[in-house]
Amino acid sequence: MLKSSKSTLYERIGGEQAIAAVINEFYNRMLQDDRVSHHFVGANMDRLRRHQITYFMSYALGGPKRYEGSTLRSAHAGLQISSEEYEIAIKHLNSSLRKYNVPIEDIAKIEAFLRSVKPHIINK
């Protein structure tokens, strides 16, 4: 089996432009889902999307940008995100990644990362 010359998830997915498409799709799905959309009322969605694309997803996927923002715990403090809502978000992200033909192995790696940070986001 040939190993991809692109070594990070960030590179394999297609870099910032491809991640932007996935993140925009993800937030569109979240905003249309009545089970979770209430978390975004009053949020600056342009800023949130840019932040996710430029820093967090780049950091999480091995990209070139260094994340120096708030901790996940402090960024999500007070949002009362339930475990069920977090699972909904993971499903929406997985669907967004599949829409843009991200290989299942890479989707699994991204999901594993998201599961590893879940306790910091649901603040339990």
PDB file of N, CA and C in Angstrom:
ATOM      1  N   MET A   1       0.845  -1.179   0.000  1.00  0.00           N
ATOM      2  CA  MET A   1       0.000   0.000   0.000  1.00  0.00           C
ATOM      3  C   MET A   1       0.889   1.240   0.000  1.00  0.00           C
ATOM      4  N   LEU A   2       0.568   2.185  -0.825  1.00  0.00           N
ATOM      5  CA  LEU A   2       1.333   3.430  -0.894  1.00  0.00           C
ATOM      6  C   LEU A   2       0.893   4.366   0.217  1.00  0.00           C
ATOM      7  N   LYS A   3       1.836   4.968   0.853  1.00  0.00           N
ATOM      8  CA  LYS A   3       1.539   5.949   1.891  1.00  0.00           C
ATOM      9  C   LYS A   3       1.428   7.315   1.228  1.00  0.00           C
ATOM     10  N   SER A   4       0.416   8.062   1.656  1.00  0.00           N
ATOM     11  CA  SER A   4       0.235   9.403   1.106  1.00  0.00           C
ATOM     12  C   SER A   4       1.430  10.272   1.453  1.00  0.00           C
ATOM     13  N   SER A   5       1.830  11.118   0.504  1.00  0.00           N
ATOM     14  CA  SER A   5       2.935  12.037   0.767  1.00  0.00           C
ATOM     15  C   SER A   5       2.475  13.182   1.669  1.00  0.00           C
ATOM     16  N   LYS A   6       1.194  13.303   1.846  1.00  0.00           N
ATOM     17  CA  LYS A   6       0.643  14.337   2.721  1.00  0.00           C
ATOM     18  C   LYS A   6       0.478  13.719   4.106  1.00  0.00           C
ATOM     19  N   SER A   7       1.289  14.186   5.046  1.00  0.00           N
ATOM     20  CA  SER A   7       1.394  13.496   6.313  1.00  0.00           C
ATOM     21  C   SER A   7       0.405  13.921   7.386  1.00  0.00           C
ATOM     22  N   THR A   8      -0.089  15.146   7.343  1.00  0.00           N
ATOM     23  CA  THR A   8      -1.030  15.564   8.384  1.00  0.00           C
ATOM     24  C   THR A   8      -2.462  15.498   7.862  1.00  0.00           C
ATOM     25  N   LEU A   9      -3.397  15.387   8.787  1.00  0.00           N
ATOM     26  CA  LEU A   9      -4.808  15.434   8.408  1.00  0.00           C
ATOM     27  C   LEU A   9      -5.107  16.739   7.688  1.00  0.00           C
ATOM     28  N   TYR A  10      -4.514  17.807   8.166  1.00  0.00           N
ATOM     29  CA  TYR A  10      -4.712  19.123   7.562  1.00  0.00           C
ATOM     30  C   TYR A  10      -4.376  19.077   6.072  1.00  0.00           C
ATOM     31  N   GLU A  11      -3.235  18.492   5.738  1.00  0.00           N
ATOM     32  CA  GLU A  11      -2.809  18.399   4.339  1.00  0.00           C
ATOM     33  C   GLU A  11      -3.681  17.428   3.553  1.00  0.00           C
ATOM     34  N   ARG A  12      -4.000  16.284   4.152  1.00  0.00           N
ATOM     35  CA  ARG A  12      -4.795  15.278   3.434  1.00  0.00           C
ATOM     36  C   ARG A  12      -6.195  15.784   3.116  1.00  0.00           C
ATOM     37  N   ILE A  13      -6.766  16.559   4.028  1.00  0.00           N
ATOM     38  CA  ILE A  13      -8.112  17.092   3.791  1.00  0.00           C
ATOM     39  C   ILE A  13      -8.083  18.153   2.698  1.00  0.00           C
ATOM     40  N   GLY A  14      -6.968  18.866   2.580  1.00  0.00           N
ATOM     41  CA  GLY A  14      -6.863  19.871   1.517  1.00  0.00           C
ATOM     42  C   GLY A  14      -6.525  21.257   2.011  1.00  0.00           C
ATOM     43  N   GLY A  15      -6.109  21.376   3.271  1.00  0.00           N
ATOM     44  CA  GLY A  15      -5.688  22.663   3.792  1.00  0.00           C
ATOM     45  C   GLY A  15      -6.840  23.566   4.173  1.00  0.00           C
ATOM     46  N   GLU A  16      -6.522  24.829   4.349  1.00  0.00           N
ATOM     47  CA  GLU A  16      -7.484  25.784   4.893  1.00  0.00           C
ATOM     48  C   GLU A  16      -8.745  25.930   4.037  1.00  0.00           C
ATOM     49  N   GLN A  17      -8.600  25.929   2.729  1.00  0.00           N
ATOM     50  CA  GLN A  17      -9.772  26.112   1.861  1.00  0.00           C
ATOM     51  C   GLN A  17     -10.757  24.954   2.023  1.00  0.00           C
ATOM     52  N   ALA A  18     -10.254  23.730   2.044  1.00  0.00           N
ATOM     53  CA  ALA A  18     -11.130  22.566   2.210  1.00  0.00           C
ATOM     54  C   ALA A  18     -11.728  22.539   3.610  1.00  0.00           C
ATOM     55  N   ILE A  19     -10.930  22.890   4.612  1.00  0.00           N
ATOM     56  CA  ILE A  19     -11.438  22.926   5.979  1.00  0.00           C
ATOM     57  C   ILE A  19     -12.520  23.989   6.107  1.00  0.00           C
ATOM     58  N   ALA A  20     -12.348  25.116   5.431  1.00  0.00           N
ATOM     59  CA  ALA A  20     -13.366  26.170   5.439  1.00  0.00           C
ATOM     60  C   ALA A  20     -14.686  25.640   4.897  1.00  0.00           C
ATOM     61  N   ALA A  21     -14.646  24.892   3.825  1.00  0.00           N
ATOM     62  CA  ALA A  21     -15.873  24.332   3.247  1.00  0.00           C
ATOM     63  C   ALA A  21     -16.545  23.390   4.243  1.00  0.00           C
ATOM     64  N   VAL A  22     -15.764  22.540   4.880  1.00  0.00           N
ATOM     65  CA  VAL A  22     -16.317  21.585   5.855  1.00  0.00           C
ATOM     66  C   VAL A  22     -16.901  22.324   7.050  1.00  0.00           C
ATOM     67  N   ILE A  23     -16.176  23.300   7.582  1.00  0.00           N
ATOM     68  CA  ILE A  23     -16.647  24.039   8.767  1.00  0.00           C
ATOM     69  C   ILE A  23     -17.902  24.837   8.433  1.00  0.00           C
ATOM     70  N   ASN A  24     -17.946  25.459   7.261  1.00  0.00           N
ATOM     71  CA  ASN A  24     -19.156  26.193   6.875  1.00  0.00           C
ATOM     72  C   ASN A  24     -20.342  25.250   6.757  1.00  0.00           C
ATOM     73  N   GLU A  25     -20.141  24.090   6.169  1.00  0.00           N
ATOM     74  CA  GLU A  25     -21.205  23.083   6.072  1.00  0.00           C
ATOM     75  C   GLU A  25     -21.642  22.634   7.469  1.00  0.00           C
ATOM     76  N   PHE A  26     -20.679  22.389   8.346  1.00  0.00           N
ATOM     77  CA  PHE A  26     -20.973  21.969   9.712  1.00  0.00           C
ATOM     78  C   PHE A  26     -21.853  22.995  10.419  1.00  0.00           C
ATOM     79  N   TYR A  27     -21.461  24.277  10.381  1.00  0.00           N
ATOM     80  CA  TYR A  27     -22.256  25.293  11.071  1.00  0.00           C
ATOM     81  C   TYR A  27     -23.622  25.479  10.419  1.00  0.00           C
ATOM     82  N   ASN A  28     -23.712  25.354   9.110  1.00  0.00           N
ATOM     83  CA  ASN A  28     -25.029  25.419   8.465  1.00  0.00           C
ATOM     84  C   ASN A  28     -25.932  24.323   9.006  1.00  0.00           C
ATOM     85  N   ARG A  29     -25.394  23.122   9.145  1.00  0.00           N
ATOM     86  CA  ARG A  29     -26.179  22.004   9.688  1.00  0.00           C
ATOM     87  C   ARG A  29     -26.574  22.258  11.143  1.00  0.00           C
ATOM     88  N   MET A  30     -25.640  22.762  11.934  1.00  0.00           N
ATOM     89  CA  MET A  30     -25.920  23.030  13.348  1.00  0.00           C
ATOM     90  C   MET A  30     -26.997  24.103  13.499  1.00  0.00           C
ATOM     91  N   LEU A  31     -26.919  25.152  12.677  1.00  0.00           N
ATOM     92  CA  LEU A  31     -27.885  26.237  12.763  1.00  0.00           C
ATOM     93  C   LEU A  31     -29.281  25.806  12.318  1.00  0.00           C
ATOM     94  N   GLN A  32     -29.358  24.792  11.460  1.00  0.00           N
ATOM     95  CA  GLN A  32     -30.654  24.304  10.985  1.00  0.00           C
ATOM     96  C   GLN A  32     -31.249  23.234  11.893  1.00  0.00           C
ATOM     97  N   ASP A  33     -30.501  22.783  12.875  1.00  0.00           N
ATOM     98  CA  ASP A  33     -30.946  21.711  13.761  1.00  0.00           C
ATOM     99  C   ASP A  33     -31.507  22.317  15.051  1.00  0.00           C
ATOM    100  N   ASP A  34     -32.817  22.212  15.224  1.00  0.00           N
ATOM    101  CA  ASP A  34     -33.481  22.800  16.387  1.00  0.00           C
ATOM    102  C   ASP A  34     -32.977  22.238  17.717  1.00  0.00           C
ATOM    103  N   ARG A  35     -32.352  21.076  17.689  1.00  0.00           N
ATOM    104  CA  ARG A  35     -31.856  20.474  18.929  1.00  0.00           C
ATOM    105  C   ARG A  35     -30.621  21.195  19.457  1.00  0.00           C
ATOM    106  N   VAL A  36     -29.904  21.906  18.594  1.00  0.00           N
ATOM    107  CA  VAL A  36     -28.648  22.553  19.015  1.00  0.00           C
ATOM    108  C   VAL A  36     -28.525  24.022  18.597  1.00  0.00           C
ATOM    109  N   SER A  37     -29.384  24.496  17.727  1.00  0.00           N
ATOM    110  CA  SER A  37     -29.233  25.854  17.188  1.00  0.00           C
ATOM    111  C   SER A  37     -29.324  26.930  18.262  1.00  0.00           C
ATOM    112  N   HIS A  38     -30.007  26.650  19.365  1.00  0.00           N
ATOM    113  CA  HIS A  38     -30.138  27.649  20.433  1.00  0.00           C
ATOM    114  C   HIS A  38     -28.781  28.056  21.024  1.00  0.00           C
ATOM    115  N   HIS A  39     -27.786  27.222  20.867  1.00  0.00           N
ATOM    116  CA  HIS A  39     -26.460  27.566  21.386  1.00  0.00           C
ATOM    117  C   HIS A  39     -25.801  28.703  20.590  1.00  0.00           C
ATOM    118  N   PHE A  40     -26.334  29.025  19.434  1.00  0.00           N
ATOM    119  CA  PHE A  40     -25.710  30.027  18.573  1.00  0.00           C
ATOM    120  C   PHE A  40     -26.481  31.343  18.518  1.00  0.00           C
ATOM    121  N   VAL A  41     -27.562  31.453  19.284  1.00  0.00           N
ATOM    122  CA  VAL A  41     -28.335  32.689  19.316  1.00  0.00           C
ATOM    123  C   VAL A  41     -27.439  33.798  19.860  1.00  0.00           C
ATOM    124  N   GLY A  42     -27.314  34.863  19.098  1.00  0.00           N
ATOM    125  CA  GLY A  42     -26.499  35.999  19.512  1.00  0.00           C
ATOM    126  C   GLY A  42     -25.006  35.836  19.261  1.00  0.00           C
ATOM    127  N   ALA A  43     -24.607  34.688  18.734  1.00  0.00           N
ATOM    128  CA  ALA A  43     -23.184  34.458  18.461  1.00  0.00           C
ATOM    129  C   ALA A  43     -22.769  35.164  17.174  1.00  0.00           C
ATOM    130  N   ASN A  44     -21.549  35.638  17.142  1.00  0.00           N
ATOM    131  CA  ASN A  44     -20.988  36.214  15.924  1.00  0.00           C
ATOM    132  C   ASN A  44     -20.515  35.039  15.073  1.00  0.00           C
ATOM    133  N   MET A  45     -21.365  34.573  14.172  1.00  0.00           N
ATOM    134  CA  MET A  45     -21.086  33.353  13.419  1.00  0.00           C
ATOM    135  C   MET A  45     -19.902  33.521  12.475  1.00  0.00           C
ATOM    136  N   ASP A  46     -19.726  34.708  11.895  1.00  0.00           N
ATOM    137  CA  ASP A  46     -18.563  34.916  11.013  1.00  0.00           C
ATOM    138  C   ASP A  46     -17.273  34.740  11.807  1.00  0.00           C
ATOM    139  N   ARG A  47     -17.233  35.329  12.977  1.00  0.00           N
ATOM    140  CA  ARG A  47     -16.048  35.223  13.830  1.00  0.00           C
ATOM    141  C   ARG A  47     -15.842  33.769  14.270  1.00  0.00           C
ATOM    142  N   LEU A  48     -16.907  33.109  14.666  1.00  0.00           N
ATOM    143  CA  LEU A  48     -16.817  31.719  15.113  1.00  0.00           C
ATOM    144  C   LEU A  48     -16.312  30.811  13.994  1.00  0.00           C
ATOM    145  N   ARG A  49     -16.854  30.984  12.803  1.00  0.00           N
ATOM    146  CA  ARG A  49     -16.411  30.180  11.654  1.00  0.00           C
ATOM    147  C   ARG A  49     -14.928  30.436  11.357  1.00  0.00           C
ATOM    148  N   ARG A  50     -14.535  31.710  11.313  1.00  0.00           N
ATOM    149  CA  ARG A  50     -13.129  32.046  11.032  1.00  0.00           C
ATOM    150  C   ARG A  50     -12.200  31.453  12.081  1.00  0.00           C
ATOM    151  N   HIS A  51     -12.612  31.563  13.331  1.00  0.00           N
ATOM    152  CA  HIS A  51     -11.806  31.028  14.429  1.00  0.00           C
ATOM    153  C   HIS A  51     -11.635  29.518  14.286  1.00  0.00           C
ATOM    154  N   GLN A  52     -12.709  28.813  14.008  1.00  0.00           N
ATOM    155  CA  GLN A  52     -12.639  27.357  13.847  1.00  0.00           C
ATOM    156  C   GLN A  52     -11.757  26.971  12.670  1.00  0.00           C
ATOM    157  N   ILE A  53     -11.910  27.678  11.571  1.00  0.00           N
ATOM    158  CA  ILE A  53     -11.153  27.360  10.353  1.00  0.00           C
ATOM    159  C   ILE A  53      -9.672  27.671  10.542  1.00  0.00           C
ATOM    160  N   THR A  54      -9.395  28.877  11.002  1.00  0.00           N
ATOM    161  CA  THR A  54      -8.021  29.354  11.034  1.00  0.00           C
ATOM    162  C   THR A  54      -7.193  28.752  12.150  1.00  0.00           C
ATOM    163  N   TYR A  55      -7.787  28.631  13.318  1.00  0.00           N
ATOM    164  CA  TYR A  55      -6.969  28.216  14.452  1.00  0.00           C
ATOM    165  C   TYR A  55      -7.281  26.820  14.946  1.00  0.00           C
ATOM    166  N   PHE A  56      -8.482  26.628  15.447  1.00  0.00           N
ATOM    167  CA  PHE A  56      -8.731  25.371  16.126  1.00  0.00           C
ATOM    168  C   PHE A  56      -8.597  24.161  15.215  1.00  0.00           C
ATOM    169  N   MET A  57      -9.261  24.169  14.062  1.00  0.00           N
ATOM    170  CA  MET A  57      -9.179  22.999  13.187  1.00  0.00           C
ATOM    171  C   MET A  57      -7.776  22.844  12.615  1.00  0.00           C
ATOM    172  N   SER A  58      -7.111  23.948  12.349  1.00  0.00           N
ATOM    173  CA  SER A  58      -5.731  23.854  11.886  1.00  0.00           C
ATOM    174  C   SER A  58      -4.876  23.177  12.957  1.00  0.00           C
ATOM    175  N   TYR A  59      -5.032  23.600  14.193  1.00  0.00           N
ATOM    176  CA  TYR A  59      -4.290  23.006  15.307  1.00  0.00           C
ATOM    177  C   TYR A  59      -4.653  21.532  15.477  1.00  0.00           C
ATOM    178  N   ALA A  60      -5.949  21.249  15.497  1.00  0.00           N
ATOM    179  CA  ALA A  60      -6.418  19.888  15.743  1.00  0.00           C
ATOM    180  C   ALA A  60      -5.982  18.922  14.645  1.00  0.00           C
ATOM    181  N   LEU A  61      -5.849  19.424  13.437  1.00  0.00           N
ATOM    182  CA  LEU A  61      -5.542  18.560  12.299  1.00  0.00           C
ATOM    183  C   LEU A  61      -4.071  18.612  11.885  1.00  0.00           C
ATOM    184  N   GLY A  62      -3.255  19.294  12.654  1.00  0.00           N
ATOM    185  CA  GLY A  62      -1.822  19.334  12.351  1.00  0.00           C
ATOM    186  C   GLY A  62      -1.435  20.392  11.353  1.00  0.00           C
ATOM    187  N   GLY A  63      -2.226  21.447  11.273  1.00  0.00           N
ATOM    188  CA  GLY A  63      -1.942  22.512  10.317  1.00  0.00           C
ATOM    189  C   GLY A  63      -0.886  23.483  10.811  1.00  0.00           C
ATOM    190  N   PRO A  64      -0.614  24.506  10.018  1.00  0.00           N
ATOM    191  CA  PRO A  64       0.489  25.420  10.309  1.00  0.00           C
ATOM    192  C   PRO A  64       0.189  26.479  11.370  1.00  0.00           C
ATOM    193  N   LYS A  65      -1.072  26.759  11.637  1.00  0.00           N
ATOM    194  CA  LYS A  65      -1.406  27.826  12.581  1.00  0.00           C
ATOM    195  C   LYS A  65      -1.304  27.313  14.013  1.00  0.00           C
ATOM    196  N   ARG A  66      -0.767  28.135  14.865  1.00  0.00           N
ATOM    197  CA  ARG A  66      -0.646  27.790  16.279  1.00  0.00           C
ATOM    198  C   ARG A  66      -1.863  28.355  17.009  1.00  0.00           C
ATOM    199  N   TYR A  67      -2.562  27.494  17.720  1.00  0.00           N
ATOM    200  CA  TYR A  67      -3.749  27.927  18.466  1.00  0.00           C
ATOM    201  C   TYR A  67      -3.317  28.528  19.788  1.00  0.00           C
ATOM    202  N   GLU A  68      -3.724  29.773  20.011  1.00  0.00           N
ATOM    203  CA  GLU A  68      -3.375  30.445  21.250  1.00  0.00           C
ATOM    204  C   GLU A  68      -4.592  31.093  21.888  1.00  0.00           C
ATOM    205  N   GLY A  69      -5.769  30.568  21.582  1.00  0.00           N
ATOM    206  CA  GLY A  69      -6.995  31.133  22.124  1.00  0.00           C
ATOM    207  C   GLY A  69      -7.302  30.599  23.508  1.00  0.00           C
ATOM    208  N   SER A  70      -8.540  30.799  23.908  1.00  0.00           N
ATOM    209  CA  SER A  70      -9.007  30.312  25.198  1.00  0.00           C
ATOM    210  C   SER A  70      -8.919  28.795  25.241  1.00  0.00           C
ATOM    211  N   THR A  71      -8.866  28.277  26.453  1.00  0.00           N
ATOM    212  CA  THR A  71      -8.947  26.826  26.562  1.00  0.00           C
ATOM    213  C   THR A  71     -10.344  26.404  26.135  1.00  0.00           C
ATOM    214  N   LEU A  72     -10.475  25.167  25.727  1.00  0.00           N
ATOM    215  CA  LEU A  72     -11.794  24.674  25.339  1.00  0.00           C
ATOM    216  C   LEU A  72     -12.776  24.800  26.493  1.00  0.00           C
ATOM    217  N   ARG A  73     -12.312  24.493  27.680  1.00  0.00           N
ATOM    218  CA  ARG A  73     -13.192  24.565  28.855  1.00  0.00           C
ATOM    219  C   ARG A  73     -13.705  25.990  29.073  1.00  0.00           C
ATOM    220  N   SER A  74     -12.820  26.974  29.012  1.00  0.00           N
ATOM    221  CA  SER A  74     -13.274  28.349  29.252  1.00  0.00           C
ATOM    222  C   SER A  74     -14.099  28.880  28.077  1.00  0.00           C
ATOM    223  N   ALA A  75     -13.757  28.499  26.856  1.00  0.00           N
ATOM    224  CA  ALA A  75     -14.519  28.967  25.691  1.00  0.00           C
ATOM    225  C   ALA A  75     -15.951  28.445  25.695  1.00  0.00           C
ATOM    226  N   HIS A  76     -16.183  27.282  26.306  1.00  0.00           N
ATOM    227  CA  HIS A  76     -17.514  26.680  26.318  1.00  0.00           C
ATOM    228  C   HIS A  76     -18.200  26.781  27.678  1.00  0.00           C
ATOM    229  N   ALA A  77     -17.553  27.444  28.634  1.00  0.00           N
ATOM    230  CA  ALA A  77     -18.123  27.590  29.972  1.00  0.00           C
ATOM    231  C   ALA A  77     -19.465  28.310  29.894  1.00  0.00           C
ATOM    232  N   GLY A  78     -20.405  27.830  30.641  1.00  0.00           N
ATOM    233  CA  GLY A  78     -21.712  28.473  30.714  1.00  0.00           C
ATOM    234  C   GLY A  78     -22.645  28.148  29.572  1.00  0.00           C
ATOM    235  N   LEU A  79     -22.173  27.416  28.578  1.00  0.00           N
ATOM    236  CA  LEU A  79     -23.034  27.101  27.435  1.00  0.00           C
ATOM    237  C   LEU A  79     -23.964  25.918  27.709  1.00  0.00           C
ATOM    238  N   GLN A  80     -23.679  25.183  28.763  1.00  0.00           N
ATOM    239  CA  GLN A  80     -24.522  24.046  29.147  1.00  0.00           C
ATOM    240  C   GLN A  80     -24.729  23.063  27.996  1.00  0.00           C
ATOM    241  N   ILE A  81     -23.663  22.730  27.321  1.00  0.00           N
ATOM    242  CA  ILE A  81     -23.729  21.768  26.220  1.00  0.00           C
ATOM    243  C   ILE A  81     -23.828  20.376  26.831  1.00  0.00           C
ATOM    244  N   SER A  82     -24.878  19.662  26.455  1.00  0.00           N
ATOM    245  CA  SER A  82     -25.081  18.317  26.995  1.00  0.00           C
ATOM    246  C   SER A  82     -24.301  17.295  26.184  1.00  0.00           C
ATOM    247  N   SER A  83     -24.138  16.137  26.764  1.00  0.00           N
ATOM    248  CA  SER A  83     -23.464  15.051  26.063  1.00  0.00           C
ATOM    249  C   SER A  83     -24.216  14.707  24.778  1.00  0.00           C
ATOM    250  N   GLU A  84     -25.539  14.721  24.835  1.00  0.00           N
ATOM    251  CA  GLU A  84     -26.360  14.419  23.654  1.00  0.00           C
ATOM    252  C   GLU A  84     -26.146  15.461  22.562  1.00  0.00           C
ATOM    253  N   GLU A  85     -26.067  16.735  22.950  1.00  0.00           N
ATOM    254  CA  GLU A  85     -25.832  17.798  21.969  1.00  0.00           C
ATOM    255  C   GLU A  85     -24.440  17.662  21.359  1.00  0.00           C
ATOM    256  N   TYR A  86     -23.484  17.253  22.153  1.00  0.00           N
ATOM    257  CA  TYR A  86     -22.131  17.055  21.633  1.00  0.00           C
ATOM    258  C   TYR A  86     -22.127  15.939  20.600  1.00  0.00           C
ATOM    259  N   GLU A  87     -22.864  14.879  20.861  1.00  0.00           N
ATOM    260  CA  GLU A  87     -22.962  13.775  19.904  1.00  0.00           C
ATOM    261  C   GLU A  87     -23.632  14.227  18.607  1.00  0.00           C
ATOM    262  N   ILE A  88     -24.621  15.098  18.715  1.00  0.00           N
ATOM    263  CA  ILE A  88     -25.271  15.664  17.521  1.00  0.00           C
ATOM    264  C   ILE A  88     -24.238  16.439  16.704  1.00  0.00           C
ATOM    265  N   ALA A  89     -23.403  17.226  17.396  1.00  0.00           N
ATOM    266  CA  ALA A  89     -22.366  18.003  16.697  1.00  0.00           C
ATOM    267  C   ALA A  89     -21.391  17.077  15.985  1.00  0.00           C
ATOM    268  N   ILE A  90     -20.982  16.005  16.636  1.00  0.00           N
ATOM    269  CA  ILE A  90     -20.069  15.058  15.994  1.00  0.00           C
ATOM    270  C   ILE A  90     -20.715  14.462  14.742  1.00  0.00           C
ATOM    271  N   LYS A  91     -21.993  14.117  14.825  1.00  0.00           N
ATOM    272  CA  LYS A  91     -22.679  13.561  13.649  1.00  0.00           C
ATOM    273  C   LYS A  91     -22.739  14.573  12.516  1.00  0.00           C
ATOM    274  N   HIS A  92     -22.997  15.841  12.855  1.00  0.00           N
ATOM    275  CA  HIS A  92     -23.033  16.880  11.813  1.00  0.00           C
ATOM    276  C   HIS A  92     -21.648  17.089  11.194  1.00  0.00           C
ATOM    277  N   LEU A  93     -20.606  17.043  12.010  1.00  0.00           N
ATOM    278  CA  LEU A  93     -19.265  17.199  11.458  1.00  0.00           C
ATOM    279  C   LEU A  93     -18.915  16.008  10.573  1.00  0.00           C
ATOM    280  N   ASN A  94     -19.237  14.812  11.032  1.00  0.00           N
ATOM    281  CA  ASN A  94     -18.976  13.622  10.207  1.00  0.00           C
ATOM    282  C   ASN A  94     -19.688  13.716   8.857  1.00  0.00           C
ATOM    283  N   SER A  95     -20.945  14.153   8.871  1.00  0.00           N
ATOM    284  CA  SER A  95     -21.697  14.311   7.620  1.00  0.00           C
ATOM    285  C   SER A  95     -21.060  15.363   6.722  1.00  0.00           C
ATOM    286  N   SER A  96     -20.577  16.435   7.329  1.00  0.00           N
ATOM    287  CA  SER A  96     -19.921  17.499   6.564  1.00  0.00           C
ATOM    288  C   SER A  96     -18.627  16.990   5.945  1.00  0.00           C
ATOM    289  N   LEU A  97     -17.865  16.216   6.706  1.00  0.00           N
ATOM    290  CA  LEU A  97     -16.618  15.643   6.183  1.00  0.00           C
ATOM    291  C   LEU A  97     -16.907  14.665   5.047  1.00  0.00           C
ATOM    292  N   ARG A  98     -17.949  13.849   5.200  1.00  0.00           N
ATOM    293  CA  ARG A  98     -18.311  12.897   4.136  1.00  0.00           C
ATOM    294  C   ARG A  98     -18.752  13.636   2.877  1.00  0.00           C
ATOM    295  N   LYS A  99     -19.480  14.735   3.045  1.00  0.00           N
ATOM    296  CA  LYS A  99     -19.936  15.513   1.884  1.00  0.00           C
ATOM    297  C   LYS A  99     -18.752  15.952   1.029  1.00  0.00           C
ATOM    298  N   TYR A 100     -17.633  16.253   1.690  1.00  0.00           N
ATOM    299  CA  TYR A 100     -16.444  16.706   0.968  1.00  0.00           C
ATOM    300  C   TYR A 100     -15.436  15.579   0.754  1.00  0.00           C
ATOM    301  N   ASN A 101     -15.927  14.348   0.793  1.00  0.00           N
ATOM    302  CA  ASN A 101     -15.143  13.156   0.420  1.00  0.00           C
ATOM    303  C   ASN A 101     -13.870  12.944   1.237  1.00  0.00           C
ATOM    304  N   VAL A 102     -13.921  13.314   2.507  1.00  0.00           N
ATOM    305  CA  VAL A 102     -12.796  13.017   3.390  1.00  0.00           C
ATOM    306  C   VAL A 102     -12.819  11.509   3.647  1.00  0.00           C
ATOM    307  N   PRO A 103     -11.681  10.830   3.497  1.00  0.00           N
ATOM    308  CA  PRO A 103     -11.640   9.383   3.701  1.00  0.00           C
ATOM    309  C   PRO A 103     -12.090   8.985   5.108  1.00  0.00           C
ATOM    310  N   ILE A 104     -12.769   7.854   5.195  1.00  0.00           N
ATOM    311  CA  ILE A 104     -13.323   7.374   6.456  1.00  0.00           C
ATOM    312  C   ILE A 104     -12.253   7.242   7.540  1.00  0.00           C
ATOM    313  N   GLU A 105     -11.036   6.852   7.156  1.00  0.00           N
ATOM    314  CA  GLU A 105      -9.966   6.725   8.154  1.00  0.00           C
ATOM    315  C   GLU A 105      -9.654   8.080   8.793  1.00  0.00           C
ATOM    316  N   ASP A 106      -9.687   9.123   7.988  1.00  0.00           N
ATOM    317  CA  ASP A 106      -9.417  10.463   8.504  1.00  0.00           C
ATOM    318  C   ASP A 106     -10.595  10.975   9.326  1.00  0.00           C
ATOM    319  N   ILE A 107     -11.805  10.660   8.911  1.00  0.00           N
ATOM    320  CA  ILE A 107     -12.979  11.033   9.706  1.00  0.00           C
ATOM    321  C   ILE A 107     -12.889  10.370  11.075  1.00  0.00           C
ATOM    322  N   ALA A 108     -12.477   9.119  11.111  1.00  0.00           N
ATOM    323  CA  ALA A 108     -12.345   8.403  12.382  1.00  0.00           C
ATOM    324  C   ALA A 108     -11.303   9.064  13.281  1.00  0.00           C
ATOM    325  N   LYS A 109     -10.206   9.532  12.704  1.00  0.00           N
ATOM    326  CA  LYS A 109      -9.165  10.204  13.490  1.00  0.00           C
ATOM    327  C   LYS A 109      -9.677  11.536  14.048  1.00  0.00           C
ATOM    328  N   ILE A 110     -10.431  12.257  13.237  1.00  0.00           N
ATOM    329  CA  ILE A 110     -10.996  13.529  13.689  1.00  0.00           C
ATOM    330  C   ILE A 110     -12.005  13.273  14.807  1.00  0.00           C
ATOM    331  N   GLU A 111     -12.838  12.257  14.627  1.00  0.00           N
ATOM    332  CA  GLU A 111     -13.823  11.932  15.657  1.00  0.00           C
ATOM    333  C   GLU A 111     -13.128  11.510  16.950  1.00  0.00           C
ATOM    334  N   ALA A 112     -12.066  10.746  16.854  1.00  0.00           N
ATOM    335  CA  ALA A 112     -11.324  10.332  18.050  1.00  0.00           C
ATOM    336  C   ALA A 112     -10.788  11.559  18.787  1.00  0.00           C
ATOM    337  N   PHE A 113     -10.266  12.526  18.044  1.00  0.00           N
ATOM    338  CA  PHE A 113      -9.789  13.764  18.672  1.00  0.00           C
ATOM    339  C   PHE A 113     -10.946  14.472  19.375  1.00  0.00           C
ATOM    340  N   LEU A 114     -12.085  14.593  18.682  1.00  0.00           N
ATOM    341  CA  LEU A 114     -13.236  15.289  19.275  1.00  0.00           C
ATOM    342  C   LEU A 114     -13.721  14.587  20.537  1.00  0.00           C
ATOM    343  N   ARG A 115     -13.682  13.272  20.527  1.00  0.00           N
ATOM    344  CA  ARG A 115     -14.083  12.528  21.729  1.00  0.00           C
ATOM    345  C   ARG A 115     -13.082  12.756  22.863  1.00  0.00           C
ATOM    346  N   SER A 116     -11.811  12.941  22.536  1.00  0.00           N
ATOM    347  CA  SER A 116     -10.801  13.161  23.571  1.00  0.00           C
ATOM    348  C   SER A 116     -10.974  14.507  24.267  1.00  0.00           C
ATOM    349  N   VAL A 117     -11.557  15.482  23.575  1.00  0.00           N
ATOM    350  CA  VAL A 117     -11.742  16.809  24.186  1.00  0.00           C
ATOM    351  C   VAL A 117     -13.165  17.026  24.694  1.00  0.00           C
ATOM    352  N   LYS A 118     -14.026  16.064  24.523  1.00  0.00           N
ATOM    353  CA  LYS A 118     -15.428  16.190  24.957  1.00  0.00           C
ATOM    354  C   LYS A 118     -15.565  16.640  26.406  1.00  0.00           C
ATOM    355  N   PRO A 119     -14.807  16.061  27.351  1.00  0.00           N
ATOM    356  CA  PRO A 119     -14.984  16.506  28.756  1.00  0.00           C
ATOM    357  C   PRO A 119     -14.697  17.991  28.968  1.00  0.00           C
ATOM    358  N   HIS A 120     -13.894  18.587  28.118  1.00  0.00           N
ATOM    359  CA  HIS A 120     -13.567  20.005  28.241  1.00  0.00           C
ATOM    360  C   HIS A 120     -14.658  20.892  27.666  1.00  0.00           C
ATOM    361  N   ILE A 121     -15.493  20.333  26.821  1.00  0.00           N
ATOM    362  CA  ILE A 121     -16.534  21.122  26.161  1.00  0.00           C
ATOM    363  C   ILE A 121     -17.878  20.997  26.872  1.00  0.00           C
ATOM    364  N   ILE A 122     -18.192  19.797  27.330  1.00  0.00           N
ATOM    365  CA  ILE A 122     -19.475  19.652  28.035  1.00  0.00           C
ATOM    366  C   ILE A 122     -19.338  20.041  29.504  1.00  0.00           C
ATOM    367  N   ASN A 123     -18.109  20.335  29.916  1.00  0.00           N
ATOM    368  CA  ASN A 123     -17.854  20.847  31.268  1.00  0.00           C
ATOM    369  C   ASN A 123     -18.459  19.986  32.362  1.00  0.00           C
ATOM    370  N   LYS A 124     -18.219  18.705  32.267  1.00  0.00           N
ATOM    371  CA  LYS A 124     -18.698  17.774  33.313  1.00  0.00           C
ATOM    372  C   LYS A 124     -17.532  17.286  34.100  1.00  0.00           C
TER     373      LYS A 124
END
